[in-house]
Amino acid sequence: MILILGLVVATACDAQDTQEARATPGTPIHSDSLSPKQQAIPLIASFMAASDMPKLNAALNHGLDAGLTISEAKEVLVQLYAYVGFPKSLNALGELLKVVDARKQRGIQDLPGREPSRAIPTGDELVAVGTANQTKISGAPVKGPVFDFAPIINQYLQAHLFGDIFERDNLDWGSRELATVGALAATPGVEAQLRSHMAASMRVGLTAPQLRQLIQALAEHGDPQASKRASEALAQALALMKK
């Protein structure tokens, strides 16, 4: 009976992971629960942002056990330099390298995953693609006093973050938002950005029940304060969406 139950659970998880893998980066996938692989991503991001290496080590192991490929884990940690800085990203990638090497020594062969399947545009085409991605994820063209005051920051966002990074299709947009929310929740003082990314998460296909599951995971396995910030941000994002 235990074996049969395990096979049923594994089959269900495999089906959901297959659905994720077939999706293009911006394709919404609606569900009321996160897959085991998805559940691991915000915890990895949270511990990276907090520079908690022992917990990051454990979260990376858990994520790989849940089916996260090495490529996906690397992509999460690379992307987050745009949100929490190069030093934390480099340290986290070093920790992932140690985790992968240690697992190899124990005879665990993790799935390598894949690299992006298409070339990233350059020049004006990159800016155009990045601006379109930014608008889709943000729900409207991004503008405001800060961007009027320092237009170059939005140019960097459009060309690099939403262009160079979000055009890499070896990690879907939902997973990228799970990582961003996890990292921002662990970072005091960025509540406005966290609220924006809660809304962005739902625009790219994540659901409120899935985000509540993320919040619960942060409460149980991460930082209670991060969970509290995430809960408040989700409530605010949902309230704004009703207006």
Protein backbone atom coordinates (compact mmCIF):
# COMPACT_ATOMS: atom_id res chain seq x y z
CA MET A 1 0.00 0.00 0.00
CA ILE A 2 2.83 2.41 0.88
CA LEU A 3 4.56 1.64 -2.41
CA ILE A 4 1.34 2.22 -4.39
CA LEU A 5 0.71 5.51 -2.57
CA GLY A 6 4.27 6.60 -3.28
CA LEU A 7 3.84 5.84 -6.96
CA VAL A 8 0.61 7.84 -7.09
CA VAL A 9 2.23 10.85 -5.41
CA ALA A 10 5.30 10.63 -7.65
CA THR A 11 3.13 10.38 -10.76
CA ALA A 12 1.14 13.44 -9.75
CA CYS A 13 4.33 15.41 -9.07
CA ASP A 14 5.86 14.27 -12.36
CA ALA A 15 2.74 15.36 -14.23
CA GLN A 16 2.83 18.83 -12.72
CA ASP A 17 6.57 19.19 -13.32
CA THR A 18 6.05 18.09 -16.94
CA GLN A 19 3.36 20.73 -17.33
CA GLU A 20 5.81 23.35 -15.99
CA ALA A 21 8.57 22.19 -18.32
CA ARG A 22 6.34 22.44 -21.39
CA ALA A 23 5.26 25.98 -20.58
CA THR A 24 6.87 28.93 -22.27
CA PRO A 25 8.35 31.45 -19.81
CA GLY A 26 5.24 33.62 -19.72
CA THR A 27 2.58 30.92 -19.93
CA PRO A 28 0.22 30.93 -16.89
CA ILE A 29 -0.17 27.58 -15.13
CA HIS A 30 -3.07 27.78 -12.69
CA SER A 31 -3.10 25.50 -9.66
CA ASP A 32 -4.01 25.69 -6.00
CA SER A 33 -0.76 24.11 -4.84
CA LEU A 34 2.94 24.38 -5.57
CA SER A 35 4.80 21.34 -6.82
CA PRO A 36 7.61 20.05 -4.53
CA LYS A 37 10.13 21.67 -6.87
CA GLN A 38 8.32 25.01 -6.74
CA GLN A 39 8.10 24.86 -2.94
CA ALA A 40 11.88 24.63 -2.72
CA ILE A 41 12.59 27.76 -4.79
CA PRO A 42 11.43 30.54 -2.39
CA LEU A 43 13.22 28.90 0.55
CA ILE A 44 16.45 28.73 -1.44
CA ALA A 45 15.99 32.39 -2.37
CA SER A 46 15.15 33.45 1.16
CA PHE A 47 18.22 31.82 2.69
CA MET A 48 20.42 33.21 -0.08
CA ALA A 49 19.13 36.74 0.59
CA ALA A 50 19.73 36.27 4.32
CA SER A 51 23.23 34.82 3.70
CA ASP A 52 22.30 31.85 5.89
CA MET A 53 24.64 29.29 4.37
CA PRO A 54 23.74 26.26 6.55
CA LYS A 55 20.03 26.68 5.76
CA LEU A 56 20.81 27.45 2.11
CA ASN A 57 22.83 24.22 1.93
CA ALA A 58 19.89 22.24 3.33
CA ALA A 59 17.40 24.01 1.04
CA LEU A 60 19.52 23.31 -2.05
CA ASN A 61 19.74 19.64 -1.12
CA HIS A 62 15.98 19.54 -0.60
CA GLY A 63 15.36 21.28 -3.92
CA LEU A 64 17.56 18.85 -5.84
CA ASP A 65 15.85 15.95 -4.08
CA ALA A 66 12.50 17.42 -5.18
CA GLY A 67 13.53 17.41 -8.83
CA LEU A 68 15.11 20.83 -9.29
CA THR A 69 17.80 20.48 -11.94
CA ILE A 70 21.28 21.87 -11.46
CA SER A 71 20.62 24.33 -14.29
CA GLU A 72 17.42 25.57 -12.62
CA ALA A 73 19.13 25.95 -9.25
CA LYS A 74 21.97 27.91 -10.85
CA GLU A 75 19.49 30.10 -12.73
CA VAL A 76 17.65 30.99 -9.52
CA LEU A 77 20.88 32.05 -7.84
CA VAL A 78 22.16 33.94 -10.88
CA GLN A 79 18.90 35.86 -11.37
CA LEU A 80 18.79 36.97 -7.76
CA TYR A 81 21.96 39.03 -8.08
CA ALA A 82 19.65 41.62 -9.67
CA TYR A 83 17.63 41.77 -6.45
CA VAL A 84 20.10 41.13 -3.61
CA GLY A 85 23.52 41.79 -5.17
CA PHE A 86 26.48 40.05 -6.76
CA PRO A 87 28.26 39.10 -3.49
CA LYS A 88 25.31 37.07 -2.22
CA SER A 89 24.77 35.50 -5.63
CA LEU A 90 28.42 34.47 -5.92
CA ASN A 91 28.47 33.06 -2.38
CA ALA A 92 25.29 31.10 -3.04
CA LEU A 93 26.62 29.69 -6.31
CA GLY A 94 29.72 28.58 -4.42
CA GLU A 95 27.47 26.82 -1.92
CA LEU A 96 25.55 25.11 -4.73
CA LEU A 97 28.84 23.89 -6.20
CA LYS A 98 29.74 22.36 -2.83
CA VAL A 99 26.32 20.74 -2.56
CA VAL A 100 26.52 19.21 -6.04
CA ASP A 101 30.06 17.90 -5.43
CA ALA A 102 29.09 16.41 -2.06
CA ARG A 103 26.06 14.69 -3.59
CA LYS A 104 28.23 13.24 -6.35
CA GLN A 105 30.54 11.78 -3.73
CA ARG A 106 27.51 10.14 -2.12
CA GLY A 107 26.57 8.61 -5.47
CA ILE A 108 23.69 10.96 -6.23
CA GLN A 109 23.44 11.91 -9.89
CA ASP A 110 21.35 15.07 -10.11
CA LEU A 111 19.71 16.04 -13.38
CA PRO A 112 21.91 18.63 -15.13
CA GLY A 113 18.96 20.36 -16.78
CA ARG A 114 19.30 22.43 -19.89
CA GLU A 115 20.71 25.73 -21.01
CA PRO A 116 18.52 28.38 -22.71
CA SER A 117 17.19 27.08 -26.03
CA ARG A 118 17.34 30.33 -27.98
CA ALA A 119 19.77 33.16 -28.56
CA ILE A 120 19.21 36.32 -26.52
CA PRO A 121 18.59 39.42 -28.68
CA THR A 122 21.03 42.31 -28.59
CA GLY A 123 20.91 46.06 -29.10
CA ASP A 124 17.58 47.73 -29.81
CA GLU A 125 15.86 44.36 -30.19
CA LEU A 126 16.90 43.40 -26.65
CA VAL A 127 15.47 46.64 -25.25
CA ALA A 128 12.22 46.10 -27.15
CA VAL A 129 11.85 42.52 -25.92
CA GLY A 130 12.77 43.50 -22.36
CA THR A 131 10.30 46.38 -22.37
CA ALA A 132 7.54 44.06 -23.58
CA ASN A 133 8.40 41.52 -20.87
CA GLN A 134 8.49 44.24 -18.20
CA THR A 135 5.10 45.57 -19.28
CA LYS A 136 3.52 42.11 -19.28
CA ILE A 137 4.89 41.23 -15.84
CA SER A 138 4.15 44.66 -14.33
CA GLY A 139 0.67 44.90 -15.84
CA ALA A 140 1.34 48.28 -17.49
CA PRO A 141 4.24 50.35 -18.82
CA VAL A 142 6.56 51.15 -15.93
CA LYS A 143 6.90 54.83 -15.14
CA GLY A 144 7.05 57.18 -12.18
CA PRO A 145 9.04 59.97 -10.51
CA VAL A 146 12.06 57.77 -9.78
CA PHE A 147 12.30 56.67 -13.42
CA ASP A 148 11.90 60.29 -14.55
CA PHE A 149 14.63 61.31 -12.12
CA ALA A 150 17.02 58.52 -13.19
CA PRO A 151 15.90 57.09 -16.56
CA ILE A 152 18.99 54.91 -16.83
CA ILE A 153 17.74 52.61 -14.07
CA ASN A 154 14.71 51.66 -16.13
CA GLN A 155 16.90 51.16 -19.19
CA TYR A 156 18.96 48.67 -17.16
CA LEU A 157 15.78 46.95 -15.97
CA GLN A 158 14.42 46.68 -19.51
CA ALA A 159 17.62 45.64 -21.28
CA HIS A 160 19.21 43.45 -18.65
CA LEU A 161 16.76 42.13 -16.06
CA PHE A 162 13.67 41.75 -18.27
CA GLY A 163 15.72 41.25 -21.43
CA ASP A 164 18.94 39.31 -20.84
CA ILE A 165 17.67 37.40 -17.80
CA PHE A 166 13.94 36.89 -18.38
CA GLU A 167 14.53 35.82 -21.99
CA ARG A 168 16.50 32.81 -20.72
CA ASP A 169 13.93 30.04 -21.05
CA ASN A 170 15.61 27.42 -18.86
CA LEU A 171 13.52 28.74 -15.95
CA ASP A 172 9.86 29.70 -16.36
CA TRP A 173 8.54 33.07 -15.22
CA GLY A 174 6.51 31.58 -12.38
CA SER A 175 9.65 30.05 -10.89
CA ARG A 176 11.49 33.34 -11.35
CA GLU A 177 8.77 35.17 -9.42
CA LEU A 178 8.78 32.55 -6.66
CA ALA A 179 12.51 33.18 -6.29
CA THR A 180 12.08 36.95 -6.30
CA VAL A 181 9.29 36.90 -3.72
CA GLY A 182 11.32 34.59 -1.46
CA ALA A 183 14.37 36.85 -1.65
CA LEU A 184 12.46 40.11 -1.15
CA ALA A 185 10.47 38.66 1.75
CA ALA A 186 13.77 37.96 3.53
CA THR A 187 14.98 41.53 2.91
CA PRO A 188 13.65 44.21 5.30
CA GLY A 189 12.86 47.58 3.78
CA VAL A 190 11.71 46.47 0.32
CA GLU A 191 8.04 45.97 1.12
CA ALA A 192 6.86 48.04 -1.87
CA GLN A 193 8.84 45.87 -4.28
CA LEU A 194 7.63 42.71 -2.52
CA ARG A 195 4.01 43.84 -2.97
CA SER A 196 4.66 44.53 -6.66
CA HIS A 197 6.14 41.07 -7.16
CA MET A 198 3.23 39.41 -5.38
CA ALA A 199 0.99 40.99 -8.01
CA ALA A 200 3.46 40.07 -10.77
CA SER A 201 3.44 36.47 -9.58
CA MET A 202 -0.29 36.26 -10.17
CA ARG A 203 0.04 37.89 -13.57
CA VAL A 204 2.42 35.16 -14.74
CA GLY A 205 0.10 32.39 -13.56
CA LEU A 206 0.67 31.75 -9.86
CA THR A 207 -2.45 31.74 -7.70
CA ALA A 208 -3.25 33.22 -4.32
CA PRO A 209 -3.45 29.72 -2.72
CA GLN A 210 0.01 28.93 -4.08
CA LEU A 211 1.40 32.19 -2.67
CA ARG A 212 -0.22 31.43 0.69
CA GLN A 213 1.54 28.07 0.57
CA LEU A 214 4.81 29.95 -0.01
CA ILE A 215 4.06 32.14 3.00
CA GLN A 216 3.36 29.07 5.14
CA ALA A 217 6.64 27.49 4.03
CA LEU A 218 8.53 30.61 5.08
CA ALA A 219 6.79 30.50 8.45
CA GLU A 220 7.58 26.82 9.03
CA HIS A 221 11.07 26.53 7.54
CA GLY A 222 12.39 30.03 7.06
CA ASP A 223 12.13 33.36 8.85
CA PRO A 224 8.83 34.24 10.61
CA GLN A 225 9.43 37.92 9.83
CA ALA A 226 9.87 37.09 6.14
CA SER A 227 6.59 35.18 6.27
CA LYS A 228 4.88 38.15 7.92
CA ARG A 229 6.16 40.58 5.30
CA ALA A 230 5.07 38.23 2.51
CA SER A 231 1.60 37.80 4.03
CA GLU A 232 1.08 41.55 4.31
CA ALA A 233 2.31 42.07 0.74
CA LEU A 234 -0.06 39.45 -0.65
CA ALA A 235 -3.01 40.95 1.21
CA GLN A 236 -2.16 44.40 -0.15
CA ALA A 237 -1.71 43.10 -3.70
CA LEU A 238 -5.06 41.29 -3.60
CA ALA A 239 -6.79 44.38 -2.25
CA LEU A 240 -5.37 46.53 -5.04
CA MET A 241 -6.47 44.01 -7.66
CA LYS A 242 -10.08 44.26 -6.43
CA LYS A 243 -10.21 48.02 -6.98
